[in-house]
N, C-alpha and C. Protein backbone atom coordinates (compact mmCIF):
# COMPACT_ATOMS: atom_id res chain seq x y z
N UNK A 1 18.34 -16.88 34.95
CA UNK A 1 18.89 -15.97 33.90
C UNK A 1 19.78 -16.77 32.88
N UNK A 2 19.40 -17.98 32.75
CA UNK A 2 20.05 -18.77 31.73
C UNK A 2 19.46 -18.52 30.42
N UNK A 3 18.42 -18.02 30.36
CA UNK A 3 17.74 -17.64 29.06
C UNK A 3 18.36 -16.35 28.34
N UNK A 4 19.15 -15.53 29.24
CA UNK A 4 19.78 -14.32 28.76
C UNK A 4 20.66 -14.50 27.59
N UNK A 5 21.57 -15.53 27.84
CA UNK A 5 22.47 -15.87 26.62
C UNK A 5 21.80 -16.29 25.41
N UNK A 6 20.64 -16.98 25.46
CA UNK A 6 19.83 -17.28 24.33
C UNK A 6 19.36 -16.06 23.65
N UNK A 7 18.82 -15.16 24.35
CA UNK A 7 18.32 -13.79 23.97
C UNK A 7 19.28 -13.00 23.22
N UNK A 8 20.55 -13.06 23.88
CA UNK A 8 21.60 -12.20 23.41
C UNK A 8 21.99 -12.81 22.05
N UNK A 9 22.18 -14.06 21.87
CA UNK A 9 22.53 -14.71 20.59
C UNK A 9 21.39 -14.33 19.51
N UNK A 10 20.17 -14.61 19.83
CA UNK A 10 19.08 -14.27 18.97
C UNK A 10 19.14 -12.79 18.40
N UNK A 11 19.11 -11.79 19.47
CA UNK A 11 19.14 -10.36 19.11
C UNK A 11 20.38 -10.18 18.21
N UNK A 12 21.52 -10.62 18.66
CA UNK A 12 22.81 -10.39 17.85
C UNK A 12 22.63 -10.76 16.40
N UNK A 13 22.06 -12.07 16.28
CA UNK A 13 21.83 -12.59 14.91
C UNK A 13 20.85 -11.73 14.09
N UNK A 14 19.79 -11.34 14.76
CA UNK A 14 18.88 -10.36 14.09
C UNK A 14 19.53 -9.13 13.62
N UNK A 15 20.25 -8.55 14.42
CA UNK A 15 20.84 -7.20 14.20
C UNK A 15 21.94 -7.44 13.17
N UNK A 16 22.72 -8.55 13.09
CA UNK A 16 23.67 -8.71 12.02
C UNK A 16 23.02 -8.79 10.71
N UNK A 17 21.82 -9.71 10.62
CA UNK A 17 21.08 -9.77 9.45
C UNK A 17 20.44 -8.47 9.02
N UNK A 18 19.99 -7.68 10.01
CA UNK A 18 19.44 -6.42 9.64
C UNK A 18 20.42 -5.41 8.96
N UNK A 19 21.81 -5.57 9.51
CA UNK A 19 22.76 -4.78 8.95
C UNK A 19 23.02 -5.22 7.52
N UNK A 20 22.94 -6.47 7.33
CA UNK A 20 23.31 -7.16 5.94
C UNK A 20 22.22 -6.43 4.87
N UNK A 21 20.96 -6.54 5.37
CA UNK A 21 19.88 -6.08 4.51
C UNK A 21 20.16 -4.54 4.29
N UNK A 22 20.63 -3.73 5.13
CA UNK A 22 20.83 -2.39 4.96
C UNK A 22 22.00 -2.13 4.09
N UNK A 23 23.07 -2.97 4.10
CA UNK A 23 24.19 -2.89 3.27
C UNK A 23 23.83 -3.25 1.93
N UNK A 24 23.04 -4.37 1.68
CA UNK A 24 22.61 -4.76 0.38
C UNK A 24 21.68 -3.61 -0.29
N UNK A 25 20.86 -3.07 0.54
CA UNK A 25 19.97 -1.88 0.25
C UNK A 25 20.93 -0.80 -0.57
N UNK A 26 21.92 -0.41 0.22
CA UNK A 26 22.88 0.64 -0.28
C UNK A 26 23.50 0.25 -1.52
N UNK A 27 23.83 -1.07 -1.87
CA UNK A 27 24.34 -1.53 -3.06
C UNK A 27 23.34 -1.41 -4.17
N UNK A 28 22.07 -1.76 -3.70
CA UNK A 28 21.04 -1.71 -4.77
C UNK A 28 20.68 -0.18 -5.11
N UNK A 29 20.88 0.61 -4.20
CA UNK A 29 20.71 2.12 -4.45
C UNK A 29 21.61 2.60 -5.48
N UNK A 30 22.87 2.19 -5.24
CA UNK A 30 23.96 2.61 -6.14
C UNK A 30 23.72 1.98 -7.60
N UNK A 31 23.29 0.69 -7.58
CA UNK A 31 22.95 0.11 -8.90
C UNK A 31 21.83 0.80 -9.51
N UNK A 32 20.83 1.19 -8.75
CA UNK A 32 19.62 1.81 -9.29
C UNK A 32 19.89 3.22 -9.85
N UNK A 33 20.87 3.84 -9.17
CA UNK A 33 21.27 5.24 -9.61
C UNK A 33 21.70 5.15 -11.02
N UNK A 34 22.60 4.14 -11.19
CA UNK A 34 23.33 4.10 -12.44
C UNK A 34 22.17 3.76 -13.51
N UNK A 35 21.24 2.85 -13.35
CA UNK A 35 20.07 2.65 -14.22
C UNK A 35 19.31 3.81 -14.45
N UNK A 36 18.93 4.42 -13.35
CA UNK A 36 18.08 5.63 -13.52
C UNK A 36 18.74 6.80 -14.21
N UNK A 37 19.94 6.81 -14.07
CA UNK A 37 20.74 7.82 -14.87
C UNK A 37 20.63 7.54 -16.37
N UNK A 38 20.87 6.23 -16.70
CA UNK A 38 20.70 5.81 -18.18
C UNK A 38 19.32 6.07 -18.63
N UNK A 39 18.29 5.74 -17.67
CA UNK A 39 17.04 6.02 -18.14
C UNK A 39 16.65 7.37 -18.34
N UNK A 40 17.00 8.22 -17.49
CA UNK A 40 16.81 9.76 -17.81
C UNK A 40 17.53 10.25 -18.99
N UNK A 41 18.79 9.91 -19.14
CA UNK A 41 19.51 10.36 -20.43
C UNK A 41 18.89 9.66 -21.63
N UNK A 42 18.49 8.48 -21.66
CA UNK A 42 17.74 7.93 -22.83
C UNK A 42 16.41 8.73 -23.13
N UNK A 43 15.77 8.96 -21.94
CA UNK A 43 14.51 9.63 -22.26
C UNK A 43 14.66 11.15 -22.71
N UNK A 44 15.71 11.87 -22.31
CA UNK A 44 16.12 13.09 -22.94
C UNK A 44 16.46 12.88 -24.30
N UNK A 45 17.27 12.00 -24.66
CA UNK A 45 17.71 11.77 -26.04
C UNK A 45 16.39 11.43 -26.93
N UNK A 46 15.47 10.73 -26.38
CA UNK A 46 14.20 10.54 -27.02
C UNK A 46 13.39 11.78 -27.55
N UNK A 47 13.57 12.74 -26.61
CA UNK A 47 12.89 14.04 -26.87
C UNK A 47 13.44 14.68 -27.98
N UNK A 48 14.71 14.48 -28.53
CA UNK A 48 15.27 15.08 -29.66
C UNK A 48 14.52 14.68 -30.86
N UNK A 49 13.78 13.71 -30.98
CA UNK A 49 13.00 13.16 -32.15
C UNK A 49 11.97 14.20 -32.53
N UNK A 50 11.43 14.79 -31.55
CA UNK A 50 10.38 15.68 -31.63
C UNK A 50 10.80 17.09 -32.28
N UNK A 51 12.04 17.32 -32.02
CA UNK A 51 12.67 18.62 -32.49
C UNK A 51 13.04 18.55 -33.99
N UNK A 52 12.35 19.18 -34.79
CA UNK A 52 12.70 19.15 -36.17
C UNK A 52 14.05 19.87 -36.52
N UNK A 53 14.42 20.75 -35.67
CA UNK A 53 15.62 21.33 -35.89
C UNK A 53 16.86 20.41 -35.69
N UNK A 54 16.67 19.34 -34.89
CA UNK A 54 17.67 18.48 -34.68
C UNK A 54 18.03 17.50 -35.91
N UNK A 55 17.02 17.39 -36.80
CA UNK A 55 17.21 16.60 -38.05
C UNK A 55 17.33 17.50 -39.27
N UNK A 56 18.47 17.23 -40.00
CA UNK A 56 18.70 18.09 -41.05
C UNK A 56 17.78 17.83 -42.17
N UNK A 57 17.26 18.74 -42.89
CA UNK A 57 16.09 18.52 -43.87
C UNK A 57 16.49 17.51 -44.97
N UNK A 58 17.65 17.53 -45.39
CA UNK A 58 18.07 16.57 -46.47
C UNK A 58 18.12 15.16 -45.84
N UNK A 59 18.47 14.97 -44.60
CA UNK A 59 18.41 13.71 -43.94
C UNK A 59 17.03 13.21 -43.90
N UNK A 60 16.05 14.12 -43.54
CA UNK A 60 14.62 13.67 -43.30
C UNK A 60 14.13 13.38 -44.80
N UNK A 61 14.61 14.03 -45.77
CA UNK A 61 14.05 13.72 -47.17
C UNK A 61 14.63 12.39 -47.59
N UNK A 62 15.94 12.20 -47.43
CA UNK A 62 16.46 10.87 -47.82
C UNK A 62 15.90 9.71 -47.03
N UNK A 63 15.60 9.93 -45.77
CA UNK A 63 15.11 8.76 -45.00
C UNK A 63 13.81 9.22 -44.34
N UNK A 64 12.73 9.08 -44.91
CA UNK A 64 11.37 9.68 -44.52
C UNK A 64 10.95 8.82 -43.16
N UNK A 65 11.45 7.62 -43.04
CA UNK A 65 10.93 6.88 -41.76
C UNK A 65 12.19 7.03 -40.70
N UNK A 66 13.03 7.81 -40.79
CA UNK A 66 14.07 7.94 -39.94
C UNK A 66 13.48 8.39 -38.49
N UNK A 67 12.76 9.40 -38.47
CA UNK A 67 12.27 9.89 -37.17
C UNK A 67 11.27 8.85 -36.43
N UNK A 68 10.49 8.19 -37.27
CA UNK A 68 9.62 7.17 -36.44
C UNK A 68 10.50 5.98 -35.95
N UNK A 69 11.53 5.69 -36.79
CA UNK A 69 12.25 4.53 -36.33
C UNK A 69 13.13 4.96 -35.06
N UNK A 70 13.65 6.14 -35.04
CA UNK A 70 14.39 6.68 -33.97
C UNK A 70 13.45 6.77 -32.75
N UNK A 71 12.32 7.20 -32.89
CA UNK A 71 11.40 7.17 -31.72
C UNK A 71 10.99 5.85 -31.18
N UNK A 72 10.87 4.87 -32.22
CA UNK A 72 10.52 3.46 -31.61
C UNK A 72 11.85 2.89 -31.02
N UNK A 73 12.96 3.19 -31.46
CA UNK A 73 14.21 2.66 -30.97
C UNK A 73 14.38 3.26 -29.57
N UNK A 74 14.21 4.58 -29.43
CA UNK A 74 14.35 5.13 -28.10
C UNK A 74 13.35 4.75 -27.16
N UNK A 75 12.14 4.51 -27.56
CA UNK A 75 11.12 4.08 -26.72
C UNK A 75 11.50 2.69 -26.19
N UNK A 76 12.01 1.83 -27.05
CA UNK A 76 12.38 0.44 -26.49
C UNK A 76 13.51 0.52 -25.50
N UNK A 77 14.30 1.41 -25.72
CA UNK A 77 15.48 1.66 -24.88
C UNK A 77 14.97 2.17 -23.41
N UNK A 78 14.05 3.15 -23.50
CA UNK A 78 13.51 3.63 -22.31
C UNK A 78 12.91 2.59 -21.54
N UNK A 79 12.02 1.64 -22.20
CA UNK A 79 11.30 0.63 -21.57
C UNK A 79 12.28 -0.44 -20.93
N UNK A 80 13.44 -0.64 -21.68
CA UNK A 80 14.37 -1.71 -21.31
C UNK A 80 15.04 -1.05 -19.88
N UNK A 81 15.43 0.16 -19.75
CA UNK A 81 16.00 0.71 -18.65
C UNK A 81 15.01 0.76 -17.46
N UNK A 82 13.72 1.08 -17.93
CA UNK A 82 12.65 1.17 -16.86
C UNK A 82 12.44 -0.27 -16.34
N UNK A 83 12.45 -1.34 -17.13
CA UNK A 83 12.40 -2.75 -16.52
C UNK A 83 13.50 -3.07 -15.65
N UNK A 84 14.72 -2.56 -15.93
CA UNK A 84 15.84 -2.85 -15.08
C UNK A 84 15.63 -2.20 -13.66
N UNK A 85 15.24 -0.98 -13.76
CA UNK A 85 15.03 -0.06 -12.63
C UNK A 85 13.90 -0.64 -11.70
N UNK A 86 12.84 -1.11 -12.39
CA UNK A 86 11.71 -1.80 -11.64
C UNK A 86 12.10 -3.11 -10.87
N UNK A 87 13.08 -3.81 -11.59
CA UNK A 87 13.60 -4.97 -10.98
C UNK A 87 14.48 -4.52 -9.78
N UNK A 88 15.21 -3.44 -9.89
CA UNK A 88 16.06 -3.01 -8.67
C UNK A 88 15.15 -2.67 -7.53
N UNK A 89 14.07 -1.79 -7.90
CA UNK A 89 13.12 -1.54 -6.83
C UNK A 89 12.44 -2.72 -6.28
N UNK A 90 12.25 -3.76 -6.97
CA UNK A 90 11.65 -4.90 -6.53
C UNK A 90 12.59 -5.57 -5.47
N UNK A 91 13.81 -5.58 -5.85
CA UNK A 91 14.81 -6.18 -4.90
C UNK A 91 14.92 -5.37 -3.65
N UNK A 92 14.81 -4.09 -3.70
CA UNK A 92 14.81 -3.14 -2.61
C UNK A 92 13.69 -3.53 -1.65
N UNK A 93 12.55 -3.82 -2.40
CA UNK A 93 11.21 -4.26 -1.57
C UNK A 93 11.43 -5.45 -0.77
N UNK A 94 12.24 -6.32 -1.39
CA UNK A 94 12.46 -7.53 -0.69
C UNK A 94 13.30 -7.25 0.51
N UNK A 95 14.35 -6.40 0.44
CA UNK A 95 15.24 -6.08 1.62
C UNK A 95 14.28 -5.39 2.66
N UNK A 96 13.53 -4.42 2.17
CA UNK A 96 12.52 -3.81 3.02
C UNK A 96 11.77 -4.93 3.91
N UNK A 97 11.23 -5.86 3.11
CA UNK A 97 10.30 -6.86 3.80
C UNK A 97 11.22 -7.72 4.79
N UNK A 98 12.38 -7.90 4.53
CA UNK A 98 13.33 -8.58 5.42
C UNK A 98 13.58 -7.64 6.65
N UNK A 99 13.76 -6.55 6.48
CA UNK A 99 13.82 -5.52 7.65
C UNK A 99 12.70 -5.72 8.66
N UNK A 100 11.57 -5.62 7.86
CA UNK A 100 10.32 -5.58 8.76
C UNK A 100 10.11 -6.94 9.55
N UNK A 101 10.62 -8.04 8.80
CA UNK A 101 10.52 -9.32 9.51
C UNK A 101 11.47 -9.41 10.61
N UNK A 102 12.72 -8.73 10.45
CA UNK A 102 13.74 -8.78 11.53
C UNK A 102 13.12 -7.84 12.84
N UNK A 103 12.37 -6.80 12.51
CA UNK A 103 11.89 -5.93 13.43
C UNK A 103 10.69 -6.79 14.20
N UNK A 104 9.88 -7.46 13.52
CA UNK A 104 8.95 -8.39 14.24
C UNK A 104 9.56 -9.26 15.08
N UNK A 105 10.56 -9.92 14.63
CA UNK A 105 11.48 -10.87 15.33
C UNK A 105 12.04 -10.26 16.70
N UNK A 106 12.53 -9.05 16.57
CA UNK A 106 13.01 -8.36 17.70
C UNK A 106 11.88 -8.23 18.83
N UNK A 107 10.68 -7.78 18.24
CA UNK A 107 9.47 -7.45 19.29
C UNK A 107 9.16 -8.79 19.88
N UNK A 108 9.18 -9.84 19.06
CA UNK A 108 8.86 -11.17 19.68
C UNK A 108 9.89 -11.54 20.87
N UNK A 109 11.10 -11.41 20.37
CA UNK A 109 12.19 -11.71 21.48
C UNK A 109 11.89 -10.86 22.71
N UNK A 110 11.58 -9.54 22.45
CA UNK A 110 11.43 -8.66 23.57
C UNK A 110 10.22 -9.16 24.47
N UNK A 111 9.15 -9.54 23.80
CA UNK A 111 8.04 -9.86 24.55
C UNK A 111 8.29 -11.12 25.37
N UNK A 112 9.04 -12.16 24.81
CA UNK A 112 9.37 -13.39 25.42
C UNK A 112 10.33 -12.96 26.71
N UNK A 113 11.21 -12.24 26.45
CA UNK A 113 12.24 -11.77 27.54
C UNK A 113 11.54 -11.10 28.76
N UNK A 114 10.57 -10.16 28.23
CA UNK A 114 9.70 -9.49 29.31
C UNK A 114 8.97 -10.58 30.08
N UNK A 115 8.38 -11.53 29.41
CA UNK A 115 7.56 -12.51 30.02
C UNK A 115 8.29 -13.30 31.06
N UNK A 116 9.68 -13.55 30.84
CA UNK A 116 10.46 -14.41 31.65
C UNK A 116 11.15 -13.56 32.77
N UNK A 117 11.61 -12.39 32.41
CA UNK A 117 12.28 -11.51 33.28
C UNK A 117 11.47 -10.66 34.09
N UNK A 118 10.25 -10.32 33.57
CA UNK A 118 9.51 -9.20 34.28
C UNK A 118 10.16 -8.01 34.59
N UNK A 119 11.20 -7.73 33.95
CA UNK A 119 11.90 -6.44 34.08
C UNK A 119 12.33 -5.83 32.73
N UNK A 120 11.32 -4.80 32.20
CA UNK A 120 11.74 -4.35 30.75
C UNK A 120 12.84 -3.50 30.65
N UNK A 121 13.45 -3.08 31.74
CA UNK A 121 14.73 -2.29 31.70
C UNK A 121 15.91 -3.01 32.04
N UNK A 122 15.79 -4.36 32.09
CA UNK A 122 17.07 -5.16 32.34
C UNK A 122 17.99 -5.08 31.08
N UNK A 123 19.21 -4.80 31.20
CA UNK A 123 20.20 -4.68 30.11
C UNK A 123 20.33 -6.03 29.44
N UNK A 124 20.28 -5.94 28.12
CA UNK A 124 20.50 -7.20 27.43
C UNK A 124 21.85 -7.68 27.17
N UNK A 125 22.71 -6.64 26.94
CA UNK A 125 24.16 -6.80 26.77
C UNK A 125 24.90 -6.24 27.85
N UNK A 126 25.13 -4.90 27.55
CA UNK A 126 25.79 -4.10 28.56
C UNK A 126 24.92 -3.12 29.33
N UNK A 127 24.26 -2.12 28.64
CA UNK A 127 23.52 -1.20 29.31
C UNK A 127 22.20 -1.08 28.69
N UNK A 128 21.96 -1.36 27.46
CA UNK A 128 20.58 -1.06 26.89
C UNK A 128 19.71 -2.26 27.06
N UNK A 129 18.40 -1.96 27.43
CA UNK A 129 17.44 -3.05 27.47
C UNK A 129 16.93 -3.52 26.01
N UNK A 130 16.33 -4.54 25.80
CA UNK A 130 16.08 -5.03 24.65
C UNK A 130 15.11 -4.06 23.83
N UNK A 131 14.25 -3.41 24.58
CA UNK A 131 13.37 -2.41 23.92
C UNK A 131 13.97 -1.41 23.14
N UNK A 132 15.17 -0.90 23.67
CA UNK A 132 15.91 0.03 22.80
C UNK A 132 16.18 -0.32 21.42
N UNK A 133 16.71 -1.70 21.32
CA UNK A 133 16.91 -2.16 19.98
C UNK A 133 15.81 -2.20 19.14
N UNK A 134 14.55 -2.65 19.71
CA UNK A 134 13.28 -2.77 18.90
C UNK A 134 12.90 -1.39 18.60
N UNK A 135 12.95 -0.37 19.38
CA UNK A 135 12.55 0.96 19.14
C UNK A 135 13.46 1.61 17.92
N UNK A 136 14.70 1.39 18.04
CA UNK A 136 15.69 1.96 16.97
C UNK A 136 15.40 1.23 15.60
N UNK A 137 15.26 -0.08 15.69
CA UNK A 137 14.95 -0.85 14.51
C UNK A 137 13.59 -0.24 13.88
N UNK A 138 12.66 -0.19 14.66
CA UNK A 138 11.32 0.30 14.21
C UNK A 138 11.48 1.69 13.57
N UNK A 139 12.29 2.55 14.09
CA UNK A 139 12.49 3.88 13.59
C UNK A 139 13.10 3.79 12.08
N UNK A 140 14.10 2.83 11.95
CA UNK A 140 14.92 2.81 10.70
C UNK A 140 14.05 2.08 9.73
N UNK A 141 13.16 1.04 10.13
CA UNK A 141 12.30 0.43 9.26
C UNK A 141 11.30 1.42 8.55
N UNK A 142 10.85 2.37 9.48
CA UNK A 142 9.84 3.35 9.01
C UNK A 142 10.55 4.32 7.93
N UNK A 143 11.81 4.66 8.24
CA UNK A 143 12.59 5.42 7.24
C UNK A 143 12.72 4.73 5.93
N UNK A 144 13.07 3.37 6.01
CA UNK A 144 13.24 2.64 4.70
C UNK A 144 11.91 2.45 4.04
N UNK A 145 10.82 2.34 4.69
CA UNK A 145 9.48 2.28 4.13
C UNK A 145 9.29 3.72 3.31
N UNK A 146 9.56 4.77 3.93
CA UNK A 146 9.34 6.03 3.28
C UNK A 146 10.13 6.21 2.07
N UNK A 147 11.49 5.72 2.17
CA UNK A 147 12.43 5.82 1.06
C UNK A 147 12.00 4.81 -0.12
N UNK A 148 11.41 3.73 0.27
CA UNK A 148 10.96 2.78 -0.73
C UNK A 148 9.82 3.42 -1.63
N UNK A 149 8.86 4.09 -0.73
CA UNK A 149 7.76 4.67 -1.44
C UNK A 149 8.27 5.89 -2.40
N UNK A 150 9.25 6.66 -1.90
CA UNK A 150 9.86 7.62 -2.81
C UNK A 150 10.33 7.01 -4.10
N UNK A 151 10.98 5.97 -3.93
CA UNK A 151 11.66 5.29 -5.09
C UNK A 151 10.58 4.71 -5.99
N UNK A 152 9.50 4.31 -5.48
CA UNK A 152 8.43 3.87 -6.32
C UNK A 152 7.75 4.90 -7.14
N UNK A 153 7.63 6.04 -6.48
CA UNK A 153 7.07 7.20 -7.25
C UNK A 153 8.01 7.79 -8.42
N UNK A 154 9.31 7.77 -8.02
CA UNK A 154 10.28 8.04 -9.22
C UNK A 154 9.94 7.09 -10.44
N UNK A 155 10.06 5.72 -10.05
CA UNK A 155 9.98 4.80 -11.08
C UNK A 155 8.68 4.75 -11.92
N UNK A 156 7.56 5.12 -11.20
CA UNK A 156 6.27 5.09 -11.80
C UNK A 156 5.92 6.11 -12.69
N UNK A 157 6.73 7.10 -12.83
CA UNK A 157 6.52 8.17 -13.77
C UNK A 157 7.41 9.36 -13.74
N UNK A 158 7.91 9.80 -12.63
CA UNK A 158 8.74 10.77 -12.54
C UNK A 158 10.00 10.84 -13.49
N UNK A 159 10.69 9.75 -13.47
CA UNK A 159 11.89 9.57 -14.29
C UNK A 159 11.71 9.49 -15.81
N UNK A 160 10.45 8.99 -16.18
CA UNK A 160 10.20 8.93 -17.56
C UNK A 160 9.37 10.10 -18.14
N UNK A 161 9.19 11.07 -17.30
CA UNK A 161 8.35 12.27 -17.81
C UNK A 161 9.29 13.57 -17.58
N UNK A 162 10.56 13.35 -17.57
CA UNK A 162 11.57 14.39 -17.44
C UNK A 162 11.54 15.25 -18.70
N UNK A 163 11.50 16.59 -18.50
CA UNK A 163 11.57 17.46 -19.73
C UNK A 163 12.89 18.21 -20.04
N UNK A 164 13.71 18.08 -19.01
CA UNK A 164 14.98 18.79 -19.24
C UNK A 164 16.07 18.11 -18.43
N UNK A 165 17.35 18.45 -18.66
CA UNK A 165 18.45 17.85 -17.80
C UNK A 165 18.49 18.24 -16.49
N UNK A 166 18.14 19.53 -16.36
CA UNK A 166 18.03 20.11 -14.83
C UNK A 166 17.02 19.23 -14.05
N UNK A 167 15.93 19.06 -14.61
CA UNK A 167 14.78 18.37 -13.85
C UNK A 167 15.28 16.82 -13.65
N UNK A 168 15.98 16.26 -14.62
CA UNK A 168 16.55 14.86 -14.54
C UNK A 168 17.66 14.83 -13.42
N UNK A 169 18.50 15.87 -13.38
CA UNK A 169 19.42 15.83 -12.24
C UNK A 169 18.89 16.11 -10.96
N UNK A 170 17.76 16.80 -10.78
CA UNK A 170 17.12 16.84 -9.47
C UNK A 170 16.59 15.69 -9.04
N UNK A 171 15.94 14.85 -10.01
CA UNK A 171 15.28 13.62 -9.52
C UNK A 171 16.32 12.49 -9.37
N UNK A 172 17.42 12.61 -10.05
CA UNK A 172 18.47 11.60 -9.74
C UNK A 172 19.23 11.89 -8.37
N UNK A 173 19.22 13.08 -8.05
CA UNK A 173 19.82 13.51 -6.74
C UNK A 173 18.86 13.07 -5.65
N UNK A 174 17.46 13.08 -5.80
CA UNK A 174 16.62 12.49 -4.93
C UNK A 174 16.87 10.97 -4.67
N UNK A 175 17.16 10.32 -5.74
CA UNK A 175 17.27 8.82 -5.84
C UNK A 175 18.61 8.65 -4.94
N UNK A 176 19.76 9.33 -5.45
CA UNK A 176 21.06 9.03 -4.76
C UNK A 176 21.11 9.36 -3.37
N UNK A 177 20.58 10.55 -2.93
CA UNK A 177 20.76 11.01 -1.55
C UNK A 177 19.88 10.44 -0.49
N UNK A 178 18.77 9.66 -1.09
CA UNK A 178 17.87 9.01 -0.20
C UNK A 178 17.48 9.85 1.09
N UNK A 179 16.72 10.98 0.74
CA UNK A 179 16.33 11.84 1.75
C UNK A 179 15.55 11.38 2.90
N UNK A 180 15.02 10.29 2.75
CA UNK A 180 14.09 9.69 3.87
C UNK A 180 14.96 8.94 4.93
N UNK A 181 16.17 8.65 4.52
CA UNK A 181 17.09 8.02 5.43
C UNK A 181 17.89 8.97 6.20
N UNK A 182 17.63 9.13 7.49
CA UNK A 182 18.36 10.20 8.26
C UNK A 182 19.73 9.58 8.73
N UNK A 183 20.77 10.10 8.37
CA UNK A 183 22.14 9.52 8.62
C UNK A 183 22.47 9.67 10.09
N UNK A 184 21.93 10.67 10.82
CA UNK A 184 22.14 10.80 12.28
C UNK A 184 21.54 9.55 12.96
N UNK A 185 20.36 9.34 12.61
CA UNK A 185 19.63 8.23 13.25
C UNK A 185 20.34 6.92 13.18
N UNK A 186 20.68 6.68 11.80
CA UNK A 186 21.49 5.50 11.52
C UNK A 186 22.75 5.39 12.17
N UNK A 187 23.47 6.46 12.19
CA UNK A 187 24.75 6.48 12.90
C UNK A 187 24.63 6.15 14.36
N UNK A 188 23.56 6.72 14.97
CA UNK A 188 23.27 6.58 16.37
C UNK A 188 23.04 5.09 16.65
N UNK A 189 22.09 4.52 15.81
CA UNK A 189 21.87 3.09 15.92
C UNK A 189 23.06 2.12 15.82
N UNK A 190 23.99 2.45 14.87
CA UNK A 190 25.06 1.83 14.61
C UNK A 190 26.17 1.90 15.78
N UNK A 191 26.12 3.09 16.47
CA UNK A 191 27.00 3.35 17.61
C UNK A 191 26.43 2.54 18.76
N UNK A 192 25.24 2.44 18.93
CA UNK A 192 24.68 1.65 19.98
C UNK A 192 24.95 0.18 19.84
N UNK A 193 24.84 -0.27 18.55
CA UNK A 193 25.16 -1.67 18.46
C UNK A 193 26.63 -1.99 18.51
N UNK A 194 27.48 -1.17 18.12
CA UNK A 194 29.02 -1.25 18.29
C UNK A 194 29.26 -1.32 19.72
N UNK A 195 28.74 -0.38 20.48
CA UNK A 195 29.02 -0.33 21.89
C UNK A 195 28.57 -1.55 22.70
N UNK A 196 27.38 -1.90 22.28
CA UNK A 196 26.68 -3.10 23.06
C UNK A 196 27.12 -4.52 22.66
N UNK A 197 27.38 -4.63 21.38
CA UNK A 197 27.77 -6.00 20.90
C UNK A 197 29.34 -6.27 21.06
N UNK A 198 30.15 -5.38 21.17
CA UNK A 198 31.68 -5.60 21.20
C UNK A 198 32.20 -5.70 22.58
């Protein structure tokens, strides 16, 4: 049973790193929301260029290239914000990749522990066997995978094809609320970790 302490330390380290990735993901989500909001607002402002009622006729006569210049300026700003948001999603993808790596590491530890102990239900810390941690982390990784796919869809076109403020608010709500991440499952996992590791 001397190997039990080694497995405990390795699992604890993996779970701490997994928590760090989740925390950084949340920070990136907040950062991305701010950028996505600017992107949607800029895109909606760019739509004003198409509305002739927005431009006073005297202004259009005095500056005949005003509308095309405004369109070009707004298109550049949309692309700039879109680039920032793509960068944020890229960093979220890296966090997701780390989470997947931590999951695979947990499963490798679980396999090694099972090979040595021959008892898959032996508690690793207090009451939970190691496979409970692996199963819960797998569930969370799948949720983050779905959420990342949702964010990619938003970035690949939904946020830059908004036609109204209401549509923009709905899409921003999807970004902010992260509907693929189930709070109850995350809270349950955190409660298990808190109970087992303290």
